[in-house]
Amino acid sequence: MKAYYCKPTTEATDVLMERLLHPQGTIAIDTETISLKDRTCVGIGVAVSPEESFYIPVLPERGEVLIDVLDLLANPDVVKLYHN
């Protein structure tokens, strides 16, 4: 399994961004929250294949690709499986 952490100040390569923002096939989405009681989102995990996933922080600082990931989640042409 390859996992990539998209920090707010990290420049990801064009190849990684292509895999994340233009996935081939179904993707899996998981949100990370502070706790079961405090459901404030602190990050979003996106698996683009069984072997490759990305983590995009939301808090305390937003990952630089967060807006692009939210557009991906809103895209009706991409099949998504949600967890949590």
N, C-alpha and C. Protein backbone atom coordinates (compact mmCIF):
# COMPACT_ATOMS: atom_id res chain seq x y z
N MET A 1 0.85 -1.18 0.00
CA MET A 1 0.00 0.00 0.00
C MET A 1 0.89 1.23 0.00
N LYS A 2 0.64 2.14 -0.90
CA LYS A 2 1.31 3.44 -0.94
C LYS A 2 0.33 4.47 -0.42
N ALA A 3 0.77 5.26 0.53
CA ALA A 3 -0.08 6.32 1.07
C ALA A 3 0.67 7.64 0.96
N TYR A 4 -0.04 8.68 0.54
CA TYR A 4 0.55 10.00 0.36
C TYR A 4 -0.15 10.98 1.27
N TYR A 5 0.63 11.79 1.95
CA TYR A 5 0.10 12.83 2.84
C TYR A 5 0.26 14.16 2.12
N CYS A 6 -0.84 14.80 1.81
CA CYS A 6 -0.81 16.07 1.07
C CYS A 6 -0.84 17.22 2.05
N LYS A 7 0.32 17.58 2.58
CA LYS A 7 0.42 18.68 3.54
C LYS A 7 0.15 20.02 2.85
N PRO A 8 -0.24 21.03 3.64
CA PRO A 8 -0.54 22.33 3.04
C PRO A 8 0.64 22.95 2.30
N THR A 9 1.86 22.66 2.74
CA THR A 9 3.02 23.31 2.13
C THR A 9 3.79 22.39 1.18
N THR A 10 3.31 21.18 0.98
CA THR A 10 4.02 20.23 0.13
C THR A 10 3.52 20.34 -1.31
N GLU A 11 4.46 20.41 -2.24
CA GLU A 11 4.10 20.41 -3.65
C GLU A 11 4.11 18.96 -4.13
N ALA A 12 2.94 18.42 -4.45
CA ALA A 12 2.86 17.05 -4.96
C ALA A 12 3.20 17.07 -6.45
N THR A 13 3.71 15.95 -6.93
CA THR A 13 4.07 15.89 -8.34
C THR A 13 2.82 15.86 -9.21
N ASP A 14 2.98 16.21 -10.47
CA ASP A 14 1.85 16.19 -11.41
C ASP A 14 1.26 14.80 -11.54
N VAL A 15 2.10 13.77 -11.47
CA VAL A 15 1.62 12.39 -11.60
C VAL A 15 0.71 12.04 -10.42
N LEU A 16 1.12 12.39 -9.20
CA LEU A 16 0.29 12.11 -8.03
C LEU A 16 -1.01 12.88 -8.07
N MET A 17 -0.95 14.12 -8.47
CA MET A 17 -2.18 14.91 -8.56
C MET A 17 -3.11 14.35 -9.63
N GLU A 18 -2.56 13.85 -10.71
CA GLU A 18 -3.39 13.24 -11.76
C GLU A 18 -4.11 12.01 -11.21
N ARG A 19 -3.41 11.17 -10.44
CA ARG A 19 -4.03 9.97 -9.85
C ARG A 19 -5.12 10.35 -8.86
N LEU A 20 -4.86 11.39 -8.08
CA LEU A 20 -5.84 11.80 -7.07
C LEU A 20 -7.05 12.48 -7.68
N LEU A 21 -6.82 13.40 -8.58
CA LEU A 21 -7.92 14.24 -9.08
C LEU A 21 -8.62 13.69 -10.31
N HIS A 22 -8.02 12.70 -10.96
CA HIS A 22 -8.64 12.06 -12.13
C HIS A 22 -8.52 10.54 -11.99
N PRO A 23 -9.20 9.98 -11.00
CA PRO A 23 -9.06 8.54 -10.73
C PRO A 23 -9.69 7.70 -11.84
N GLN A 24 -9.16 6.51 -11.99
CA GLN A 24 -9.71 5.53 -12.92
C GLN A 24 -10.54 4.54 -12.12
N GLY A 25 -11.85 4.56 -12.31
CA GLY A 25 -12.72 3.63 -11.59
C GLY A 25 -13.23 4.19 -10.28
N THR A 26 -13.64 3.29 -9.41
CA THR A 26 -14.25 3.63 -8.13
C THR A 26 -13.20 4.11 -7.13
N ILE A 27 -13.55 5.11 -6.32
CA ILE A 27 -12.67 5.56 -5.25
C ILE A 27 -13.38 5.37 -3.91
N ALA A 28 -12.59 5.27 -2.85
CA ALA A 28 -13.14 5.15 -1.50
C ALA A 28 -12.78 6.41 -0.71
N ILE A 29 -13.75 6.90 0.06
CA ILE A 29 -13.59 8.13 0.82
C ILE A 29 -13.80 7.84 2.30
N ASP A 30 -12.94 8.39 3.15
CA ASP A 30 -13.09 8.26 4.59
C ASP A 30 -12.80 9.62 5.21
N THR A 31 -13.62 10.03 6.15
CA THR A 31 -13.36 11.28 6.85
C THR A 31 -12.84 10.97 8.25
N GLU A 32 -11.92 11.79 8.70
CA GLU A 32 -11.38 11.68 10.04
C GLU A 32 -11.93 12.84 10.86
N THR A 33 -12.46 12.52 12.04
CA THR A 33 -13.03 13.55 12.90
C THR A 33 -12.29 13.58 14.24
N ILE A 34 -12.55 14.63 15.02
CA ILE A 34 -11.89 14.76 16.32
C ILE A 34 -12.28 13.62 17.24
N SER A 35 -13.56 13.28 17.29
CA SER A 35 -14.04 12.17 18.12
C SER A 35 -15.44 11.79 17.64
N LEU A 36 -16.00 10.77 18.27
CA LEU A 36 -17.37 10.39 17.93
C LEU A 36 -18.36 11.45 18.36
N LYS A 37 -18.05 12.17 19.44
CA LYS A 37 -18.94 13.25 19.89
C LYS A 37 -18.70 14.53 19.11
N ASP A 38 -17.44 14.88 18.91
CA ASP A 38 -17.09 16.10 18.17
C ASP A 38 -16.77 15.69 16.74
N ARG A 39 -17.73 15.87 15.87
CA ARG A 39 -17.59 15.39 14.49
C ARG A 39 -16.94 16.40 13.55
N THR A 40 -16.15 17.31 14.10
CA THR A 40 -15.41 18.26 13.29
C THR A 40 -14.42 17.50 12.42
N CYS A 41 -14.48 17.73 11.12
CA CYS A 41 -13.61 17.02 10.19
C CYS A 41 -12.18 17.57 10.29
N VAL A 42 -11.21 16.67 10.48
CA VAL A 42 -9.80 17.07 10.53
C VAL A 42 -9.04 16.61 9.30
N GLY A 43 -9.64 15.72 8.51
CA GLY A 43 -8.96 15.25 7.30
C GLY A 43 -9.85 14.35 6.47
N ILE A 44 -9.43 14.18 5.21
CA ILE A 44 -10.16 13.33 4.27
C ILE A 44 -9.18 12.34 3.65
N GLY A 45 -9.53 11.07 3.70
CA GLY A 45 -8.73 10.04 3.05
C GLY A 45 -9.40 9.63 1.75
N VAL A 46 -8.60 9.49 0.69
CA VAL A 46 -9.11 9.07 -0.61
C VAL A 46 -8.26 7.92 -1.11
N ALA A 47 -8.87 6.75 -1.30
CA ALA A 47 -8.18 5.61 -1.90
C ALA A 47 -8.57 5.55 -3.37
N VAL A 48 -7.57 5.65 -4.24
CA VAL A 48 -7.84 5.63 -5.68
C VAL A 48 -7.67 4.24 -6.27
N SER A 49 -7.11 3.32 -5.47
CA SER A 49 -6.98 1.91 -5.87
C SER A 49 -6.75 1.12 -4.58
N PRO A 50 -6.78 -0.21 -4.65
CA PRO A 50 -6.50 -0.99 -3.44
C PRO A 50 -5.08 -0.78 -2.90
N GLU A 51 -4.19 -0.26 -3.73
CA GLU A 51 -2.79 -0.08 -3.33
C GLU A 51 -2.38 1.37 -3.11
N GLU A 52 -3.23 2.33 -3.37
CA GLU A 52 -2.79 3.72 -3.33
C GLU A 52 -3.86 4.63 -2.71
N SER A 53 -3.43 5.43 -1.73
CA SER A 53 -4.37 6.33 -1.06
C SER A 53 -3.70 7.66 -0.73
N PHE A 54 -4.55 8.65 -0.47
CA PHE A 54 -4.09 10.00 -0.16
C PHE A 54 -4.80 10.48 1.09
N TYR A 55 -4.11 11.28 1.89
CA TYR A 55 -4.72 11.91 3.05
C TYR A 55 -4.57 13.41 2.89
N ILE A 56 -5.67 14.12 2.96
CA ILE A 56 -5.69 15.57 2.82
C ILE A 56 -6.15 16.17 4.14
N PRO A 57 -5.28 16.91 4.84
CA PRO A 57 -5.70 17.52 6.10
C PRO A 57 -6.68 18.66 5.88
N VAL A 58 -7.59 18.81 6.82
CA VAL A 58 -8.55 19.91 6.82
C VAL A 58 -8.22 20.87 7.96
N LEU A 59 -7.90 20.33 9.13
CA LEU A 59 -7.50 21.12 10.30
C LEU A 59 -6.21 20.56 10.86
N PRO A 60 -5.33 21.32 11.44
CA PRO A 60 -5.44 22.74 11.71
C PRO A 60 -5.18 23.61 10.49
N GLU A 61 -4.47 23.08 9.48
CA GLU A 61 -4.26 23.83 8.24
C GLU A 61 -4.79 22.99 7.08
N ARG A 62 -5.42 23.65 6.13
CA ARG A 62 -5.99 22.94 4.99
C ARG A 62 -4.90 22.54 4.01
N GLY A 63 -5.03 21.31 3.47
CA GLY A 63 -4.14 20.86 2.42
C GLY A 63 -4.38 21.70 1.17
N GLU A 64 -3.34 21.92 0.39
CA GLU A 64 -3.44 22.80 -0.77
C GLU A 64 -4.37 22.27 -1.85
N VAL A 65 -4.68 20.98 -1.83
CA VAL A 65 -5.56 20.41 -2.85
C VAL A 65 -6.97 20.17 -2.34
N LEU A 66 -7.30 20.69 -1.16
CA LEU A 66 -8.61 20.44 -0.55
C LEU A 66 -9.76 20.85 -1.46
N ILE A 67 -9.70 22.03 -2.05
CA ILE A 67 -10.79 22.49 -2.92
C ILE A 67 -10.95 21.56 -4.12
N ASP A 68 -9.83 21.11 -4.69
CA ASP A 68 -9.89 20.17 -5.82
C ASP A 68 -10.51 18.84 -5.39
N VAL A 69 -10.19 18.39 -4.18
CA VAL A 69 -10.75 17.13 -3.68
C VAL A 69 -12.25 17.28 -3.44
N LEU A 70 -12.67 18.42 -2.92
CA LEU A 70 -14.11 18.64 -2.72
C LEU A 70 -14.84 18.65 -4.07
N ASP A 71 -14.22 19.20 -5.10
CA ASP A 71 -14.81 19.14 -6.45
C ASP A 71 -14.90 17.70 -6.93
N LEU A 72 -13.88 16.90 -6.64
CA LEU A 72 -13.90 15.48 -7.01
C LEU A 72 -15.06 14.77 -6.32
N LEU A 73 -15.27 15.06 -5.03
CA LEU A 73 -16.35 14.42 -4.28
C LEU A 73 -17.72 14.82 -4.80
N ALA A 74 -17.83 16.01 -5.36
CA ALA A 74 -19.10 16.49 -5.89
C ALA A 74 -19.35 16.03 -7.33
N ASN A 75 -18.35 15.44 -7.96
CA ASN A 75 -18.47 15.03 -9.36
C ASN A 75 -19.34 13.78 -9.47
N PRO A 76 -20.51 13.87 -10.12
CA PRO A 76 -21.40 12.71 -10.22
C PRO A 76 -20.88 11.62 -11.15
N ASP A 77 -19.86 11.93 -11.95
CA ASP A 77 -19.31 10.95 -12.89
C ASP A 77 -18.31 10.00 -12.24
N VAL A 78 -17.88 10.32 -11.01
CA VAL A 78 -16.93 9.47 -10.29
C VAL A 78 -17.71 8.62 -9.28
N VAL A 79 -17.55 7.30 -9.37
CA VAL A 79 -18.22 6.40 -8.45
C VAL A 79 -17.42 6.38 -7.13
N LYS A 80 -18.15 6.62 -6.02
CA LYS A 80 -17.50 6.73 -4.72
C LYS A 80 -18.12 5.77 -3.71
N LEU A 81 -17.26 5.20 -2.87
CA LEU A 81 -17.69 4.42 -1.72
C LEU A 81 -17.30 5.22 -0.49
N TYR A 82 -18.27 5.50 0.38
CA TYR A 82 -17.99 6.31 1.56
C TYR A 82 -17.91 5.44 2.81
N HIS A 83 -17.00 5.80 3.70
CA HIS A 83 -16.84 5.12 4.98
C HIS A 83 -17.04 6.15 6.07
N ASN A 84 -17.70 5.79 7.16
CA ASN A 84 -18.04 6.69 8.26
C ASN A 84 -19.12 7.61 7.78
